Each structure stands twice: as structure tokens, then as C-alpha cells.
């Protein structure tokens, strides 16, 4: 008994190591590799989460110009703020807790620049160091930058470039060339600048630049499509095509919305075709009415002329100077008078006139054609029944009223009834398939931890059961040995006491024990031999 106790105490570490080795041997290399991969994956995921807990994940700015992103990155380095660039250098990420603070600090530094520099360009330069030419150039740059900033505030506009040309009058020239402007607009994503927005941009720039007319402003997009120009033929054709498509679609929707409540949803098909007048006509007309005279001014003139003429006295003669002659009184001079009076009146009349200026823009409807097909009905026997002629006539009158039918233009509206083929849906549409909800990050961490716990618990249970099986085999092996010590010590150790099924063969258990612990078995045999020696 004493030798067996010492052997049991000395062999406990070896038994544990041998039991663990046997557990791994029974699991096999595939299971051990799978458990190792799972453990390594979970540990790597936890390490990645801990390493990226403070990583820059908050969006600071996106859609930046690479040069502007470089200036912002330089300022972030000065502020000692960690950041990460993404989106091919057009997006900057910072820690989420620092997004608001960093935006305010960048705004205080004038970053990011929106649409280039504006009038602050004039604040950074001293007028004493600039010539008149430099002042004009800087003023023009500031004006272009301010206009680009304003255009960038429109809905869907990401950025804009504005070019304004203010030509100078040549020397000895009486006429000044007209200013012109061009705008390049970049939209967000797949959006496209609408004609209404292009017209608004032209109005904005024409109002900001003195002497600039709307027709002298060109608007294009990055793909090279001209959205607004000086009434070019290509632009007019594009406008007519867009106008035609829009009016045809609106007309089709109106007719379908009118007839579907009457014949049922999906039982009406409408196709409208319009002939649009693409000519532009400018008419100046002025009419005069001679019967509608109005006195505009009246002038009265009265002239009176009075004149008096007198003849001179006779001349001095010799007889008047002879002495002793009687002096003759001087003769009175002869006089004559005249008087003339002239009266005149001038009256100016204004003749009534009417002046009419009429500008007919392209887009008038020259002729329209509408084709309507209505599904019939099916009787109780399943036979198709077309709509009666009276009902088709009523539908025709409704369609003519809805589309603005005009017989003088040669408009045509046709309504027919035909059988529609049934259209059955194939499969399930994508909007009917519920999308899986995103798994929260906390659940992923909890799942990984649960996998580790279950794997450890499984290994622990398997080790316990293996140790109990080995202990049972050892006790039964000692019970086979002669001697009262082994029998008394293992009498109470049975298969039922450890909760294991009985071993079918004690010899097989003993052989398993010897294979598992060869060194300890050899030590036991040597002890037996030494005890039996005299």
C-alpha cells in the first residue's frame, strides 16, 4: 500500500501530461487545427478592435480636390490630430470625437477653400505694391471666386469654375467690346444640371458683372455637354428634344391617370407623339391711325411793325446869303409813316400709333398624335369581349379634351380596344426580399468569446472523463495483482463509482494502462520483483 501511494504521488504530473497527450491524440490533427484556427481568428479580431478603437473613423470632409486635401492634411499635422486619407485622396477621416473641433479650427484658418479665393484675395495684398494692371487682374480673380462659391451652394453642385472676360477698349476706338463669361459645373454623383439651374446661373452671373448679357454666358458640364450658350443650333436642337420628351411623357401620364380609374389599372397603354416648332421668330410692328389726331401743341404769333419817314430840309443856296434879303422861314420837312400787323397760329397734332414687338420662342406644338389601346373584358365563360363602340367614342372625347386636341392643326387621336396578354411576375422582386439586418459589433465580440469558452469547456470535460477512465483502468489493474494491499486499496473503486460503464475486459484495460504509462508499469513490476526476493 505504501509503495502504491508513493507511486501514485510521484506519477500524478506524468499522468496529467499523458492524459492530455492522449486527449489530443484522440481528437486528431484536423480537429486540433480547426480549434486552433478559431482561437487565432478570435484573438486576432479582438486585437484588431483594440488597435482600431482610437483610429480615425469620423468623416471630416469628402469630395475634396487633392490639392485642397493636402493643405488640410498639413494643417492637421500642425494641430497634432491623427487623420487618415481615403477615396483616392479626396476624403479625410479623423477620430469621431474630434470632428466638430477640427472643423471649427480649419474654418478659422480658411480651410477648405470653397470655389477658389474670393475678395479676401484683396485683403492679403498691399495696393502700394501693385500696378493698375495687377489690381484689375486681382479684382477679376476675386469676382470669379465669389461667383464660383455662390454657384457651389446650389442643390447638387459639387464645384464650379467661372471665367469672366472683361475686354478693354482699344486706343482710338469708339466701341467697347462686350464682356463674356463661361462656367464649368461639376455635379454630385450621377446628377445632371437641369436647364432651369443653367438659366439661373446665367441670370446670376449677368447680374453680377456690369454690361454682361445672359446670351453671352456659356454653361457646360465636365462631360463636355453644352447646357446653355449663345443660341447655337446644337443647343436649340437639344432643348427641343428635351422639351418634346418632357411634354410627351406628361401627356401620357395625364391620359393614363384619366382612364385607369375607368377601365382598371394596367389596362391602358398610351403613346403620344408631338411635332415641335423649332423656329424662332421676332416681329416688330408699328401702326399709325390718321383718324385719331390729338393736339399736342399750339403756338400763336402776332407781329406789329410801325415806321415813320421824314424828308430833310432844302439845302443852303446863294440867295439866302445875299445881304439885304428878307429871311425866309425854314420850310418844314416832309414826313411819312407806315404800320403793318401780322398774326399767325401753329398747331401740332400727334397721330396715334401702336408698336408691337413679338418674340416667338421655339417649342410650340405644330401637330400631335395620340394612340390609346384599352383592354376589353372577359365574360363568365372566359371569352374576351371588346369594348362597345359607344364607350370607345366616350373615351376618345375624354382623351381629346385631356391632350388639347385641335382639328385645325391636324391633330389625330386613335382609341382601340384589344386583348392584353397576362403578365405574370417571374420570381420575387428585389424590393420584396427582406435585407438581413446588420449584426452589431458587440454581438460579434460576444460570439467569439462564447466560441472560446465552449472550446475550453469541451477540452476540460474531455480531459476529466479521460482521467476518470484512466483511474478506473489503473484501479482494476491493481486489483488483478496479488497481495492484500492492492485488493484492499481498490476494493471501493468500481466503474459505477465514477459514472462510467463497466469495462468488458480487464485484460484489455490493463494492456491499455501499460501502453499509456510504460515507465510507471516497469517501476511497479520492479517493485513486485524486489518484494518477492528472499
Protein backbone atom coordinates (compact mmCIF):
# COMPACT_ATOMS: atom_id res chain seq x y z
CA UNK A 1 0.00 0.00 0.00
CA UNK A 2 2.85 2.35 0.85
CA UNK A 3 4.62 1.65 -2.43
CA UNK A 4 1.44 2.16 -4.44
CA UNK A 5 0.73 5.50 -2.68
CA UNK A 6 4.25 6.76 -3.36
CA UNK A 7 3.96 5.63 -6.96
CA UNK A 8 0.62 7.44 -7.31
CA UNK A 9 2.01 10.68 -5.81
CA UNK A 10 5.09 10.60 -7.99
CA UNK A 11 3.17 9.83 -11.13
CA UNK A 12 0.46 12.50 -10.89
CA UNK A 13 2.24 15.06 -13.14
CA UNK A 14 3.12 12.37 -15.61
CA UNK A 15 -0.44 11.09 -15.54
CA UNK A 16 -1.80 14.55 -16.31
CA UNK A 17 0.63 15.07 -19.16
CA UNK A 18 -0.07 11.62 -20.55
CA UNK A 19 -3.81 12.18 -20.27
CA UNK A 20 -3.60 15.49 -22.09
CA UNK A 21 -1.46 13.91 -24.79
CA UNK A 22 -3.96 11.11 -25.17
CA UNK A 23 -6.83 13.63 -25.42
CA UNK A 24 -5.06 15.42 -28.27
CA UNK A 25 -4.27 12.12 -29.90
CA UNK A 26 -7.92 11.11 -29.87
CA UNK A 27 -9.09 14.50 -31.20
CA UNK A 28 -6.96 14.17 -34.28
CA UNK A 29 -4.97 16.72 -36.21
CA UNK A 30 -7.99 18.10 -38.13
CA UNK A 31 -9.99 18.99 -35.01
CA UNK A 32 -6.95 20.45 -33.28
CA UNK A 33 -6.17 22.57 -36.36
CA UNK A 34 -9.77 23.79 -36.60
CA UNK A 35 -9.83 24.74 -32.92
CA UNK A 36 -6.52 26.50 -33.29
CA UNK A 37 -7.73 28.49 -36.32
CA UNK A 38 -10.87 29.56 -34.47
CA UNK A 39 -8.88 30.62 -31.43
CA UNK A 40 -6.35 32.53 -33.51
CA UNK A 41 -9.12 34.26 -35.51
CA UNK A 42 -10.94 35.37 -32.38
CA UNK A 43 -7.75 36.65 -30.80
CA UNK A 44 -6.80 38.50 -34.00
CA UNK A 45 -10.26 40.08 -34.19
CA UNK A 46 -10.10 41.23 -30.57
CA UNK A 47 -6.60 42.59 -31.18
CA UNK A 48 -7.80 44.46 -34.28
CA UNK A 49 -10.66 46.01 -32.33
CA UNK A 50 -8.35 47.11 -29.55
CA UNK A 51 -5.85 48.53 -32.07
CA UNK A 52 -8.50 50.44 -34.06
CA UNK A 53 -10.51 51.70 -31.10
CA UNK A 54 -8.93 55.14 -31.45
CA UNK A 55 -8.41 55.04 -35.23
CA UNK A 56 -9.75 57.89 -37.38
CA UNK A 57 -13.23 56.79 -38.41
CA UNK A 58 -15.13 60.09 -38.38
CA UNK A 59 -15.67 61.78 -41.75
CA UNK A 60 -14.16 65.24 -41.73
CA UNK A 61 -14.56 66.20 -45.41
CA UNK A 62 -15.23 64.31 -48.62
CA UNK A 63 -15.16 65.21 -52.31
CA UNK A 64 -12.12 67.43 -51.85
CA UNK A 65 -9.69 68.48 -54.50
CA UNK A 66 -6.36 66.65 -53.96
CA UNK A 67 -4.51 69.95 -53.58
CA UNK A 68 -7.07 71.14 -51.03
CA UNK A 69 -6.83 67.81 -49.18
CA UNK A 70 -3.06 68.27 -49.00
CA UNK A 71 -3.43 71.70 -47.38
CA UNK A 72 -5.89 70.30 -44.85
CA UNK A 73 -3.54 67.40 -44.05
CA UNK A 74 -0.70 69.83 -43.48
CA UNK A 75 -2.84 71.83 -41.07
CA UNK A 76 -3.86 68.64 -39.23
CA UNK A 77 -0.19 67.77 -38.75
CA UNK A 78 0.33 71.18 -37.20
CA UNK A 79 -2.64 70.58 -34.87
CA UNK A 80 -1.29 67.12 -33.88
CA UNK A 81 -4.58 65.47 -34.93
CA UNK A 82 -4.39 61.89 -36.27
CA UNK A 83 -6.04 61.53 -39.65
CA UNK A 84 -6.44 59.04 -42.46
CA UNK A 85 -6.85 59.78 -46.16
CA UNK A 86 -9.22 57.78 -48.33
CA UNK A 87 -11.15 57.90 -51.55
CA UNK A 88 -8.07 58.48 -53.75
CA UNK A 89 -7.08 61.47 -51.68
CA UNK A 90 -10.48 63.19 -51.76
CA UNK A 91 -11.66 62.15 -48.27
CA UNK A 92 -10.16 62.76 -44.82
CA UNK A 93 -11.06 60.82 -41.65
CA UNK A 94 -10.33 61.88 -38.08
CA UNK A 95 -11.36 60.46 -34.67
CA UNK A 96 -15.15 60.91 -34.25
CA UNK A 97 -14.74 62.88 -31.03
CA UNK A 98 -12.58 65.49 -32.79
CA UNK A 99 -14.70 66.11 -35.90
CA UNK A 100 -16.55 69.22 -34.64
CA UNK A 101 -13.47 70.78 -33.03
CA UNK A 102 -11.25 70.18 -36.06
CA UNK A 103 -13.83 71.63 -38.44
CA UNK A 104 -14.02 74.84 -36.40
CA UNK A 105 -10.24 75.17 -36.27
CA UNK A 106 -9.93 74.57 -40.02
CA UNK A 107 -12.70 77.09 -40.71
CA UNK A 108 -10.80 79.65 -38.64
CA UNK A 109 -7.79 79.01 -40.91
CA UNK A 110 -9.90 79.44 -44.05
CA UNK A 111 -9.96 75.75 -44.95
CA UNK A 112 -11.28 74.27 -47.06
CA UNK A 113 -11.48 76.88 -49.81
CA UNK A 114 -14.86 76.83 -51.48
CA UNK A 115 -14.66 77.58 -55.19
CA UNK A 116 -11.28 79.26 -55.01
CA UNK A 117 -10.34 82.55 -53.44
CA UNK A 118 -12.75 85.44 -53.17
CA UNK A 119 -12.50 89.04 -52.12
CA UNK A 120 -10.16 88.05 -49.28
CA UNK A 121 -7.50 87.98 -52.00
CA UNK A 122 -7.57 91.77 -51.99
CA UNK A 123 -7.05 91.87 -48.22
CA UNK A 124 -3.78 89.96 -48.43
CA UNK A 125 -2.16 92.38 -50.88
CA UNK A 126 -1.00 95.92 -50.39
CA UNK A 127 -2.23 98.34 -53.07
CA UNK A 128 1.06 100.24 -52.83
CA UNK A 129 2.95 97.29 -54.30
CA UNK A 130 0.60 96.67 -57.24
CA UNK A 131 0.24 98.29 -60.60
CA UNK A 132 -3.12 99.12 -62.12
CA UNK A 133 -2.92 96.00 -64.29
CA UNK A 134 -2.35 93.78 -61.23
CA UNK A 135 -5.26 95.41 -59.45
CA UNK A 136 -7.59 94.70 -62.37
CA UNK A 137 -6.43 91.07 -62.56
CA UNK A 138 -6.85 90.50 -58.82
CA UNK A 139 -10.27 92.12 -58.85
CA UNK A 140 -11.31 89.82 -61.69
CA UNK A 141 -9.98 86.75 -59.84
CA UNK A 142 -11.84 87.74 -56.71
CA UNK A 143 -15.07 88.21 -58.70
CA UNK A 144 -14.70 84.79 -60.34
CA UNK A 145 -14.05 83.14 -56.98
CA UNK A 146 -17.10 84.71 -55.35
CA UNK A 147 -19.32 83.65 -58.25
CA UNK A 148 -17.97 80.08 -58.06
CA UNK A 149 -18.71 79.95 -54.33
CA UNK A 150 -22.26 81.11 -54.90
CA UNK A 151 -22.85 78.56 -57.67
CA UNK A 152 -21.47 75.77 -55.44
CA UNK A 153 -24.30 76.44 -52.96
CA UNK A 154 -26.93 75.26 -55.47
CA UNK A 155 -28.58 71.92 -54.87
CA UNK A 156 -26.45 69.05 -56.22
CA UNK A 157 -23.50 71.20 -57.33
CA UNK A 158 -20.16 69.98 -56.00
CA UNK A 159 -17.85 72.61 -57.53
CA UNK A 160 -17.80 75.28 -60.22
CA UNK A 161 -15.24 77.23 -62.23
CA UNK A 162 -16.11 80.68 -63.57
CA UNK A 163 -14.19 82.55 -66.28
CA UNK A 164 -15.10 86.17 -66.96
CA UNK A 165 -13.59 88.20 -69.80
CA UNK A 166 -13.75 91.99 -69.45
CA UNK A 167 -12.14 93.34 -72.65
CA UNK A 168 -10.67 96.80 -72.73
CA UNK A 169 -11.40 99.37 -75.39
CA UNK A 170 -8.64 99.77 -77.91
CA UNK A 171 -6.95 103.10 -78.42
CA UNK A 172 -8.81 105.45 -80.77
CA UNK A 173 -11.79 103.11 -80.77
CA UNK A 174 -15.28 104.35 -80.08
CA UNK A 175 -16.91 100.99 -79.26
CA UNK A 176 -16.09 98.81 -76.26
CA UNK A 177 -16.24 95.01 -76.80
CA UNK A 178 -18.92 93.20 -74.86
CA UNK A 179 -17.87 91.09 -71.85
CA UNK A 180 -18.36 87.32 -71.94
CA UNK A 181 -18.30 84.51 -69.39
CA UNK A 182 -18.16 80.71 -69.25
CA UNK A 183 -18.99 78.35 -66.39
CA UNK A 184 -17.98 74.70 -65.84
CA UNK A 185 -20.17 72.95 -63.27
CA UNK A 186 -19.42 69.60 -61.58
CA UNK A 187 -22.41 67.83 -60.04
CA UNK A 188 -22.62 65.37 -57.16
CA UNK A 189 -22.57 61.70 -58.20
CA UNK A 190 -24.65 60.97 -61.29
CA UNK A 191 -26.74 64.13 -61.05
CA UNK A 192 -27.01 66.43 -64.05
CA UNK A 193 -27.53 70.16 -64.13
CA UNK A 194 -31.07 70.92 -65.22
CA UNK A 195 -31.88 73.61 -67.81
CA UNK A 196 -33.61 75.63 -65.10
CA UNK A 197 -30.44 75.64 -62.98
CA UNK A 198 -28.34 76.58 -66.01
CA UNK A 199 -30.66 79.51 -66.70
CA UNK A 200 -30.42 80.55 -63.03
CA UNK A 201 -26.62 80.52 -63.25
CA UNK A 202 -26.73 82.76 -66.33
CA UNK A 203 -29.03 85.21 -64.55
CA UNK A 204 -26.74 85.21 -61.50
CA UNK A 205 -23.58 85.98 -63.46
CA UNK A 206 -25.26 88.55 -65.71
CA UNK A 207 -26.46 90.43 -62.65
CA UNK A 208 -23.01 90.39 -61.00
CA UNK A 209 -20.95 91.61 -63.99
CA UNK A 210 -21.67 95.04 -65.39
CA UNK A 211 -22.62 95.04 -69.07
CA UNK A 212 -22.79 91.25 -69.35
CA UNK A 213 -25.84 89.82 -71.11
CA UNK A 214 -27.31 86.38 -70.48
CA UNK A 215 -26.86 85.25 -74.05
CA UNK A 216 -23.11 85.87 -73.73
CA UNK A 217 -22.73 83.29 -70.93
CA UNK A 218 -21.94 79.64 -71.67
CA UNK A 219 -22.57 76.81 -69.18
CA UNK A 220 -21.07 73.33 -69.64
CA UNK A 221 -20.64 70.20 -67.52
CA UNK A 222 -17.47 68.07 -67.11
CA UNK A 223 -18.59 65.64 -69.84
CA UNK A 224 -18.50 68.47 -72.39
CA UNK A 225 -22.26 68.84 -72.81
CA UNK A 226 -23.31 72.43 -73.50
CA UNK A 227 -26.16 73.31 -71.17
CA UNK A 228 -26.50 76.97 -72.15
CA UNK A 229 -24.86 79.02 -74.90
CA UNK A 230 -25.44 81.86 -77.31
CA UNK A 231 -28.44 80.29 -79.09
CA UNK A 232 -26.35 77.83 -81.08
CA UNK A 233 -28.07 75.39 -83.41
CA UNK A 234 -26.88 72.34 -81.44
CA UNK A 235 -28.14 73.79 -78.18
CA UNK A 236 -31.52 74.67 -79.69
CA UNK A 237 -31.85 71.12 -81.02
CA UNK A 238 -31.03 69.68 -77.61
CA UNK A 239 -33.59 71.94 -75.96
CA UNK A 240 -36.25 70.95 -78.46
CA UNK A 241 -35.54 67.24 -77.91
CA UNK A 242 -35.74 67.60 -74.13
CA UNK A 243 -38.91 69.69 -74.39
CA UNK A 244 -40.55 67.17 -76.71
CA UNK A 245 -39.73 64.22 -74.44
CA UNK A 246 -40.98 66.05 -71.36
CA UNK A 247 -44.28 67.08 -72.98
CA UNK A 248 -44.90 63.59 -74.39
CA UNK A 249 -44.33 61.97 -71.01
CA UNK A 250 -46.57 64.49 -69.26
CA UNK A 251 -49.30 63.90 -71.83
CA UNK A 252 -49.07 60.11 -71.47
CA UNK A 253 -49.24 60.31 -67.68
CA UNK A 254 -52.28 62.57 -67.89
CA UNK A 255 -54.18 60.19 -70.17
CA UNK A 256 -53.28 57.09 -68.13
CA UNK A 257 -54.28 58.82 -64.91
CA UNK A 258 -57.61 59.75 -66.51
CA UNK A 259 -58.51 56.31 -67.90
CA UNK A 260 -57.19 53.87 -65.30
CA UNK A 261 -59.96 54.62 -62.77
CA UNK A 262 -62.49 53.88 -65.54
CA UNK A 263 -61.12 50.68 -67.12
CA UNK A 264 -58.85 49.42 -64.35
CA UNK A 265 -55.14 49.68 -63.52
CA UNK A 266 -52.81 48.19 -66.08
CA UNK A 267 -55.45 48.07 -68.79
CA UNK A 268 -54.44 51.21 -70.67
CA UNK A 269 -51.45 51.89 -72.90
CA UNK A 270 -50.84 55.40 -74.28
CA UNK A 271 -48.26 56.67 -76.76
CA UNK A 272 -48.08 60.38 -77.65
CA UNK A 273 -46.04 61.94 -80.42
CA UNK A 274 -45.56 65.70 -80.80
CA UNK A 275 -44.28 67.79 -83.67
CA UNK A 276 -42.47 70.78 -82.12
CA UNK A 277 -41.82 74.01 -83.98
CA UNK A 278 -38.10 74.75 -83.64
CA UNK A 279 -38.17 78.15 -85.39
CA UNK A 280 -37.64 81.41 -83.53
CA UNK A 281 -39.45 84.47 -84.81
CA UNK A 282 -39.02 88.12 -83.82
CA UNK A 283 -41.64 90.58 -85.19
CA UNK A 284 -41.59 94.36 -84.77
CA UNK A 285 -44.82 96.05 -85.90
CA UNK A 286 -45.85 99.72 -85.76
CA UNK A 287 -49.25 101.07 -86.92
CA UNK A 288 -50.42 104.71 -87.37
CA UNK A 289 -54.05 105.84 -87.23
CA UNK A 290 -54.62 109.17 -89.05
CA UNK A 291 -58.14 109.50 -87.69
CA UNK A 292 -57.03 109.58 -84.10
CA UNK A 293 -55.37 113.01 -84.11
CA UNK A 294 -54.55 114.59 -80.80
CA UNK A 295 -53.48 118.23 -80.44
CA UNK A 296 -50.04 118.08 -78.93
CA UNK A 297 -49.02 121.79 -79.01
CA UNK A 298 -50.40 125.16 -80.17
CA UNK A 299 -48.33 128.26 -80.96
CA UNK A 300 -49.81 131.76 -81.63
CA UNK A 301 -47.64 134.51 -83.17
CA UNK A 302 -48.55 138.24 -83.60
CA UNK A 303 -46.15 140.72 -85.33
CA UNK A 304 -46.74 144.54 -85.46
CA UNK A 305 -44.38 146.89 -87.42
CA UNK A 306 -44.64 150.78 -87.37
CA UNK A 307 -42.24 153.11 -89.30
CA UNK A 308 -42.04 156.99 -89.76
CA UNK A 309 -40.02 158.54 -92.62
CA UNK A 310 -39.20 162.36 -92.88
CA UNK A 311 -37.53 164.29 -95.76
CA UNK A 312 -34.56 166.62 -94.95
CA UNK A 313 -34.92 170.48 -95.32
CA UNK A 314 -33.77 172.18 -98.56
CA UNK A 315 -30.09 172.78 -98.95
CA UNK A 316 -28.37 176.23 -98.41
CA UNK A 317 -28.25 178.41 -101.60
CA UNK A 318 -26.57 181.72 -102.69
CA UNK A 319 -29.74 183.71 -102.47
CA UNK A 320 -30.00 183.01 -98.85
CA UNK A 321 -26.61 184.59 -98.23
CA UNK A 322 -27.14 187.85 -100.24
CA UNK A 323 -27.28 190.93 -97.97
CA UNK A 324 -30.46 192.95 -97.56
CA UNK A 325 -32.54 189.97 -98.44
CA UNK A 326 -35.54 189.12 -96.34
CA UNK A 327 -35.01 185.97 -94.45
CA UNK A 328 -37.39 183.21 -95.36
CA UNK A 329 -38.65 180.93 -92.61
CA UNK A 330 -37.30 177.44 -92.90
CA UNK A 331 -39.53 175.03 -94.61
CA UNK A 332 -40.87 172.16 -92.54
CA UNK A 333 -39.54 168.72 -93.54
CA UNK A 334 -41.87 166.29 -95.27
CA UNK A 335 -42.83 163.22 -93.17
CA UNK A 336 -44.43 159.81 -93.98
CA UNK A 337 -45.48 156.91 -91.65
CA UNK A 338 -46.38 153.21 -92.19
CA UNK A 339 -47.82 150.50 -89.91
CA UNK A 340 -48.13 146.72 -90.52
CA UNK A 341 -49.69 143.98 -88.28
CA UNK A 342 -49.13 140.18 -88.83
CA UNK A 343 -50.95 137.41 -86.84
CA UNK A 344 -50.02 133.65 -87.07
CA UNK A 345 -51.03 130.39 -85.31
CA UNK A 346 -49.24 127.00 -85.47
CA UNK A 347 -50.94 123.83 -84.14
CA UNK A 348 -49.04 120.48 -83.88
CA UNK A 349 -51.05 117.24 -83.88
CA UNK A 350 -49.94 113.77 -82.65
CA UNK A 351 -51.11 110.87 -84.76
CA UNK A 352 -51.98 107.74 -82.76
CA UNK A 353 -49.63 104.79 -83.31
CA UNK A 354 -49.32 101.25 -81.98
CA UNK A 355 -45.97 99.43 -81.75
CA UNK A 356 -45.86 95.70 -81.16
CA UNK A 357 -42.75 93.57 -80.51
CA UNK A 358 -43.48 89.86 -80.58
CA UNK A 359 -40.88 87.16 -79.95
CA UNK A 360 -41.96 83.59 -80.63
CA UNK A 361 -39.60 81.14 -78.99
CA UNK A 362 -39.24 77.57 -80.28
CA UNK A 363 -41.39 74.97 -78.59
CA UNK A 364 -44.91 75.49 -79.94
CA UNK A 365 -46.83 72.35 -80.86
CA UNK A 366 -47.42 72.10 -84.59
CA UNK A 367 -49.23 68.77 -84.52
CA UNK A 368 -49.90 65.95 -82.04
CA UNK A 369 -50.81 62.29 -82.44
CA UNK A 370 -52.08 60.12 -79.60
CA UNK A 371 -52.66 56.36 -79.75
CA UNK A 372 -54.61 54.67 -76.93
CA UNK A 373 -55.12 50.94 -76.51
CA UNK A 374 -57.69 49.75 -73.95
CA UNK A 375 -58.08 46.18 -72.74
CA UNK A 376 -61.50 44.59 -73.10
CA UNK A 377 -63.48 42.43 -70.68
CA UNK A 378 -63.87 38.68 -70.14
CA UNK A 379 -67.33 37.22 -69.64
CA UNK A 380 -68.32 34.38 -67.32
CA UNK A 381 -67.33 31.77 -69.92
CA UNK A 382 -63.82 33.21 -70.22
CA UNK A 383 -64.43 34.66 -73.69
CA UNK A 384 -62.84 38.05 -74.49
CA UNK A 385 -65.33 40.82 -75.18
CA UNK A 386 -64.12 44.08 -76.75
CA UNK A 387 -65.46 47.37 -75.52
CA UNK A 388 -68.54 48.66 -77.37
CA UNK A 389 -68.20 51.47 -79.88
CA UNK A 390 -70.21 53.90 -77.74
CA UNK A 391 -67.76 53.51 -74.86
CA UNK A 392 -64.79 53.92 -77.20
CA UNK A 393 -66.29 57.15 -78.51
CA UNK A 394 -66.66 58.50 -74.99
CA UNK A 395 -63.06 57.56 -74.21
CA UNK A 396 -61.94 59.30 -77.42
CA UNK A 397 -63.68 62.52 -76.39
CA UNK A 398 -62.06 62.37 -72.94
CA UNK A 399 -58.62 61.86 -74.45
CA UNK A 400 -59.10 64.77 -76.87
CA UNK A 401 -60.06 67.04 -74.03
CA UNK A 402 -57.09 65.91 -71.93
CA UNK A 403 -54.42 66.46 -74.62
CA UNK A 404 -55.80 69.72 -76.06
CA UNK A 405 -57.00 68.39 -79.41
CA UNK A 406 -57.15 70.97 -82.23
CA UNK A 407 -58.56 69.87 -85.58
CA UNK A 408 -57.09 72.94 -87.34
CA UNK A 409 -53.57 71.73 -86.60
CA UNK A 410 -54.32 68.29 -87.98
CA UNK A 411 -54.21 66.52 -84.62
CA UNK A 412 -55.12 62.85 -84.51
CA UNK A 413 -56.39 60.71 -81.61
CA UNK A 414 -56.98 56.97 -82.07
CA UNK A 415 -58.57 54.72 -79.43
CA UNK A 416 -58.74 50.97 -79.96
CA UNK A 417 -59.69 48.00 -77.80
CA UNK A 418 -57.54 44.86 -77.84
CA UNK A 419 -56.85 41.94 -75.60
CA UNK A 420 -53.83 42.29 -73.30
CA UNK A 421 -51.69 39.24 -72.66
CA UNK A 422 -51.42 38.38 -68.97
CA UNK A 423 -48.07 39.29 -67.47
CA UNK A 424 -47.12 37.11 -64.54
CA UNK A 425 -44.22 38.17 -62.34
CA UNK A 426 -41.13 36.00 -62.61
CA UNK A 427 -39.64 35.35 -59.20
CA UNK A 428 -39.62 37.88 -56.44
CA UNK A 429 -38.56 41.45 -56.92
CA UNK A 430 -35.60 42.75 -55.04
CA UNK A 431 -37.68 45.17 -53.02
CA UNK A 432 -39.79 42.29 -51.66
CA UNK A 433 -36.81 40.34 -50.34
CA UNK A 434 -36.04 41.50 -46.78
CA UNK A 435 -32.44 42.50 -46.38
CA UNK A 436 -30.58 40.92 -43.46
CA UNK A 437 -30.14 43.22 -40.55
CA UNK A 438 -26.53 44.19 -39.82
CA UNK A 439 -25.01 42.27 -36.93
CA UNK A 440 -23.88 44.62 -34.12
CA UNK A 441 -20.21 44.64 -33.27
CA UNK A 442 -20.94 43.74 -29.63
CA UNK A 443 -22.66 40.56 -30.75
CA UNK A 444 -19.65 39.57 -32.83
CA UNK A 445 -17.34 40.01 -29.84
CA UNK A 446 -19.72 38.07 -27.59
CA UNK A 447 -19.94 35.26 -30.16
CA UNK A 448 -16.18 34.96 -30.40
CA UNK A 449 -15.85 34.84 -26.63
CA UNK A 450 -18.60 32.20 -26.44
CA UNK A 451 -16.76 30.05 -29.00
CA UNK A 452 -13.59 30.23 -26.91
CA UNK A 453 -15.46 29.37 -23.70
CA UNK A 454 -17.23 26.41 -25.29
CA UNK A 455 -14.00 25.10 -26.77
CA UNK A 456 -12.25 25.34 -23.41
CA UNK A 457 -15.15 23.71 -21.60
CA UNK A 458 -15.19 20.86 -24.13
CA UNK A 459 -11.49 20.25 -23.66
CA UNK A 460 -11.88 20.33 -19.88
CA UNK A 461 -14.76 17.85 -19.88
CA UNK A 462 -12.94 15.51 -22.21
CA UNK A 463 -9.84 15.67 -20.01
CA UNK A 464 -11.87 14.90 -16.88
CA UNK A 465 -13.53 11.93 -18.49
CA UNK A 466 -10.18 10.64 -19.75
CA UNK A 467 -8.63 10.97 -16.30
CA UNK A 468 -11.56 9.11 -14.76
CA UNK A 469 -11.26 6.35 -17.37
CA UNK A 470 -7.52 6.01 -16.70
CA UNK A 471 -8.07 5.98 -12.97
CA UNK A 472 -10.62 3.19 -13.36
CA UNK A 473 -8.28 1.21 -15.56
CA UNK A 474 -5.44 1.65 -13.03
CA UNK A 475 -7.60 0.52 -10.13
CA UNK A 476 -8.74 -2.56 -11.97
CA UNK A 477 -5.16 -3.35 -12.96
CA UNK A 478 -4.02 -3.18 -9.32
CA UNK A 479 -6.96 -5.39 -8.31
CA UNK A 480 -5.58 -8.14 -10.57
CA UNK A 481 -2.25 -8.09 -8.72
CA UNK A 482 -1.71 -10.48 -5.78
CA UNK A 483 -1.45 -9.10 -2.30
CA UNK A 484 -3.87 -7.73 0.24
CA UNK A 485 -2.70 -4.16 -0.16
CA UNK A 486 -3.79 -3.81 -3.74
CA UNK A 487 -7.06 -5.60 -3.15
CA UNK A 488 -7.95 -3.57 -0.07
CA UNK A 489 -6.97 -0.28 -1.68
CA UNK A 490 -9.01 -0.76 -4.85
CA UNK A 491 -11.96 -2.58 -3.40
CA UNK A 492 -14.06 0.57 -3.20
CA UNK A 493 -13.10 1.85 -6.73
CA UNK A 494 -15.57 0.49 -9.23
CA UNK A 495 -16.97 1.56 -12.55
CA UNK A 496 -20.25 2.63 -11.01
CA UNK A 497 -18.48 4.96 -8.53
CA UNK A 498 -17.02 7.16 -11.30
CA UNK A 499 -20.08 7.10 -13.50
CA UNK A 500 -18.51 5.06 -16.34
CA UNK A 501 -19.82 1.88 -17.95
CA UNK A 502 -18.15 -1.36 -16.82
CA UNK A 503 -15.04 -2.41 -18.74
CA UNK A 504 -15.78 -5.52 -20.78
CA UNK A 505 -12.31 -6.95 -20.44
CA UNK A 506 -9.96 -6.32 -17.54
CA UNK A 507 -7.04 -7.60 -19.54
CA UNK A 508 -7.68 -5.07 -22.25
CA UNK A 509 -7.80 -2.31 -19.63
CA UNK A 510 -4.52 -3.50 -18.17
CA UNK A 511 -2.87 -3.52 -21.60
CA UNK A 512 -4.17 -0.01 -22.25
CA UNK A 513 -2.74 1.14 -18.94
CA UNK A 514 0.68 -0.39 -19.73
CA UNK A 515 0.70 1.28 -23.16
CA UNK A 516 -0.23 4.63 -21.65
CA UNK A 517 2.30 4.57 -18.81
CA UNK A 518 5.14 2.24 -19.73
CA UNK A 519 7.68 3.69 -17.30
CA UNK A 520 5.36 3.52 -14.32
CA UNK A 521 4.36 -0.04 -15.25
CA UNK A 522 8.02 -1.04 -15.34
CA UNK A 523 8.55 0.55 -11.93
CA UNK A 524 5.64 -1.44 -10.47
CA UNK A 525 6.95 -4.69 -11.88
CA UNK A 526 10.40 -3.98 -10.41
CA UNK A 527 8.80 -3.32 -7.03
CA UNK A 528 6.99 -6.60 -7.20
CA UNK A 529 10.18 -8.45 -8.03
CA UNK A 530 12.08 -6.80 -5.21
CA UNK A 531 9.33 -7.70 -2.69
CA UNK A 532 9.33 -11.37 -3.73
CA UNK A 533 13.12 -11.72 -3.48
CA UNK A 534 14.25 -13.51 -0.23
